[in-house]
Amino acid sequence: MEVEFQHVQKWSATNKLQINMTKTKELVFRQLGLSARYFTSPQPLPFIEQVKVTKLVEVYITVTFSAVTHIKHILSVANQRMYLLAQLKSQGLSRDALRIIFTAIVLLLITYALPSFAGQLSKETKPALIVYFGKLLGVDLVVRLLVLTSSYH
């Protein structure tokens, strides 16, 4: 493992890139449901933290490629943003302005990276998304989004 990391360091130096060691994490992917007795993680490098979940380009990635962590994050942030919209509405912001802000801060949150994880939605997360966002957008639109993005996989 250390030899491979030295190759990465050499490649980055050749390409005039710098590796920020304080932000460098190691994520070892494994098959979902594979117990620890059948799978042993490689020995972690002493100077790199080995993690089970990390955030990459605003998408949470786990060792099993599960979308649950990412979905929970989206629902949490969407709730906060809907509260902000409710506050703006109570201050008298017009319906058209609310729709524009909703599109910018909630709808884009929902649809960002949806094709990358929609095919991995579990029986637990897909109904939660449909119920939550169905209330906001109408169930038809959410189901169409999920069906369209699932066809990519």
Protein backbone atom coordinates (compact mmCIF):
# COMPACT_ATOMS: atom_id res chain seq x y z
CA MET A 1 0.00 0.00 0.00
CA GLU A 2 2.83 2.35 0.86
CA VAL A 3 4.51 1.70 -2.50
CA GLU A 4 1.27 2.59 -4.33
CA PHE A 5 0.98 5.84 -2.38
CA GLN A 6 4.58 6.68 -3.31
CA HIS A 7 3.55 6.29 -6.97
CA VAL A 8 0.70 8.75 -6.40
CA GLN A 9 3.09 11.21 -4.74
CA LYS A 10 5.57 10.87 -7.61
CA TRP A 11 2.80 11.36 -10.20
CA SER A 12 1.53 14.47 -8.41
CA ALA A 13 5.04 15.94 -8.18
CA THR A 14 5.62 15.25 -11.90
CA ASN A 15 2.37 17.06 -12.70
CA LYS A 16 3.19 19.94 -10.34
CA LEU A 17 0.37 19.07 -7.94
CA GLN A 18 0.57 19.04 -4.18
CA ILE A 19 -1.17 16.47 -1.95
CA ASN A 20 -2.71 18.00 1.16
CA MET A 21 -1.92 15.31 3.71
CA THR A 22 -4.27 16.81 6.32
CA LYS A 23 -7.23 16.25 3.98
CA THR A 24 -6.11 12.90 2.56
CA LYS A 25 -8.33 9.96 3.57
CA GLU A 26 -8.31 6.29 2.66
CA LEU A 27 -11.56 4.52 1.84
CA VAL A 28 -11.40 0.75 1.32
CA PHE A 29 -14.41 -0.45 -0.65
CA ARG A 30 -15.99 -3.82 0.16
CA GLN A 31 -19.00 -5.82 -0.91
CA LEU A 32 -22.22 -5.11 0.98
CA GLY A 33 -23.01 -7.82 3.51
CA LEU A 34 -19.51 -9.29 3.48
CA SER A 35 -18.59 -10.03 7.08
CA ALA A 36 -15.26 -9.04 8.60
CA ARG A 37 -14.12 -12.64 8.83
CA TYR A 38 -14.17 -12.94 5.01
CA PHE A 39 -12.74 -9.51 4.34
CA THR A 40 -9.71 -7.97 5.96
CA SER A 41 -8.89 -4.33 5.32
CA PRO A 42 -5.35 -3.61 4.24
CA GLN A 43 -3.10 -2.22 6.93
CA PRO A 44 -3.73 1.54 6.98
CA LEU A 45 -0.88 3.89 6.25
CA PRO A 46 0.26 5.50 9.50
CA PHE A 47 -0.03 9.04 8.12
CA ILE A 48 -3.44 8.66 6.40
CA GLU A 49 -6.74 8.24 8.22
CA GLN A 50 -8.81 5.24 7.10
CA VAL A 51 -12.53 6.12 7.02
CA LYS A 52 -15.81 4.33 6.31
CA VAL A 53 -17.60 7.41 4.90
CA THR A 54 -16.26 10.48 3.14
CA LYS A 55 -17.66 13.42 1.24
CA LEU A 56 -16.42 13.84 -2.31
CA VAL A 57 -17.73 16.63 -4.54
CA GLU A 58 -20.71 17.12 -2.18
CA VAL A 59 -21.73 13.44 -2.32
CA TYR A 60 -21.27 11.07 0.62
CA ILE A 61 -19.51 7.84 -0.36
CA THR A 62 -19.36 4.81 1.94
CA VAL A 63 -17.23 1.67 1.87
CA THR A 64 -20.25 -0.26 0.55
CA PHE A 65 -21.40 2.43 -1.93
CA SER A 66 -24.63 2.79 0.08
CA ALA A 67 -26.68 5.91 -0.65
CA VAL A 68 -28.29 6.02 2.82
CA THR A 69 -25.80 8.50 4.33
CA HIS A 70 -26.14 10.81 1.34
CA ILE A 71 -29.97 10.63 1.39
CA LYS A 72 -30.07 11.42 5.12
CA HIS A 73 -27.82 14.41 4.50
CA ILE A 74 -30.01 15.65 1.64
CA LEU A 75 -33.17 15.34 3.76
CA SER A 76 -31.53 17.22 6.64
CA VAL A 77 -30.30 20.09 4.45
CA ALA A 78 -33.61 20.24 2.56
CA ASN A 79 -35.49 20.58 5.88
CA GLN A 80 -33.26 23.48 6.88
CA ARG A 81 -33.78 25.19 3.54
CA MET A 82 -37.55 24.66 3.66
CA TYR A 83 -37.56 26.33 7.09
CA LEU A 84 -35.72 29.29 5.53
CA LEU A 85 -38.36 29.45 2.77
CA ALA A 86 -41.13 29.40 5.40
CA GLN A 87 -39.45 32.33 7.16
CA LEU A 88 -39.17 34.25 3.89
CA LYS A 89 -42.85 33.54 3.16
CA SER A 90 -43.84 34.83 6.62
CA GLN A 91 -41.92 38.02 5.84
CA GLY A 92 -44.14 38.56 2.79
CA LEU A 93 -41.90 37.40 -0.06
CA SER A 94 -43.91 36.88 -3.25
CA ARG A 95 -44.84 33.42 -4.53
CA ASP A 96 -42.74 33.91 -7.69
CA ALA A 97 -39.68 34.87 -5.65
CA LEU A 98 -40.22 31.86 -3.35
CA ARG A 99 -40.41 29.57 -6.39
CA ILE A 100 -37.12 30.95 -7.74
CA ILE A 101 -35.40 30.50 -4.37
CA PHE A 102 -36.90 27.00 -3.99
CA THR A 103 -35.50 26.01 -7.38
CA ALA A 104 -32.08 27.43 -6.52
CA ILE A 105 -31.60 26.00 -3.02
CA VAL A 106 -33.88 22.97 -2.72
CA LEU A 107 -34.56 21.51 -6.16
CA LEU A 108 -30.90 21.73 -7.19
CA LEU A 109 -29.93 20.01 -3.93
CA ILE A 110 -32.31 17.15 -4.72
CA THR A 111 -31.23 16.67 -8.31
CA TYR A 112 -27.47 17.18 -7.88
CA ALA A 113 -25.74 13.81 -8.37
CA LEU A 114 -29.11 12.00 -8.38
CA PRO A 115 -28.11 9.89 -11.41
CA SER A 116 -25.02 8.68 -9.56
CA PHE A 117 -26.89 7.20 -6.61
CA ALA A 118 -30.50 6.73 -7.74
CA GLY A 119 -29.82 3.21 -8.98
CA GLN A 120 -28.52 2.29 -5.53
CA LEU A 121 -31.53 3.49 -3.55
CA SER A 122 -32.67 0.84 -1.13
CA LYS A 123 -36.22 -0.18 -0.29
CA GLU A 124 -35.72 1.95 2.82
CA THR A 125 -34.58 5.16 1.14
CA LYS A 126 -36.66 5.30 -2.05
CA PRO A 127 -40.05 5.57 -0.26
CA ALA A 128 -38.59 8.15 2.16
CA LEU A 129 -37.53 10.30 -0.79
CA ILE A 130 -40.85 9.91 -2.57
CA VAL A 131 -42.83 10.83 0.55
CA TYR A 132 -40.65 13.81 1.52
CA PHE A 133 -40.15 15.32 -1.89
CA GLY A 134 -43.57 14.24 -3.09
CA LYS A 135 -45.04 16.69 -0.60
CA LEU A 136 -42.85 19.45 -2.00
CA LEU A 137 -42.89 18.74 -5.72
CA GLY A 138 -45.78 16.41 -6.30
CA VAL A 139 -45.34 12.66 -6.27
CA ASP A 140 -45.51 12.38 -10.09
CA LEU A 141 -42.43 14.56 -10.59
CA VAL A 142 -40.37 12.71 -7.97
CA VAL A 143 -41.30 9.28 -9.33
CA ARG A 144 -40.40 10.42 -12.85
CA LEU A 145 -37.03 11.74 -11.60
CA LEU A 146 -36.26 8.42 -9.87
CA VAL A 147 -37.36 6.35 -12.87
CA LEU A 148 -35.34 8.46 -15.31
CA THR A 149 -32.20 8.40 -13.18
CA SER A 150 -32.55 4.66 -12.49
CA SER A 151 -32.46 4.00 -16.23
CA TYR A 152 -28.85 5.23 -16.33
CA HIS A 153 -27.72 2.12 -14.42
